[in-house]
Amino acid sequence: MEILLALMTGVLYAAGIYMILRRSLVKLILGLILLGNGVNLLIFLLGGITKGKPPVIPDGPAVLGEVFAAPLPQALILTAIVISFGLQSFAIVLIKRAYKVVKTDDLDEMNTTDENA
């Protein structure tokens, strides 16, 4: 299972970087979304996968006898999801406004400083 998730992380990274290198602003945002999901999956994998065990430690024993899920990577991923949602929302509004002003989403055409073009 971990091998499959590691391969999926690589695919998300590759697709995200490919989309970021395109000339369209929409593809740039999609690439950032894919890259963010790849990072979240990587953090999840680094925390370790334990099936069927909640990230709750019982009060009784001082030393843990069972395997449990690490709560810190899960909390980091939840925080990253919220932050990336805010970033994506802001970027989508910014792209919409830029498209209204410039009438294109091509980065090369937006880079020109000619007002008559």
Foldseek 3Di string as FASTA:
>chain_A
DLVVLVVQLVVLLVCLVVQCPDFFLVSVLVSVVSNLVSVLSVLQVVQPDDPPAECDDDDPDPDDPDDHGPVVSVVVSVVSVVVSVVVSVVSVVVQVVVCVVQVGRGNVSVPDPDPVD
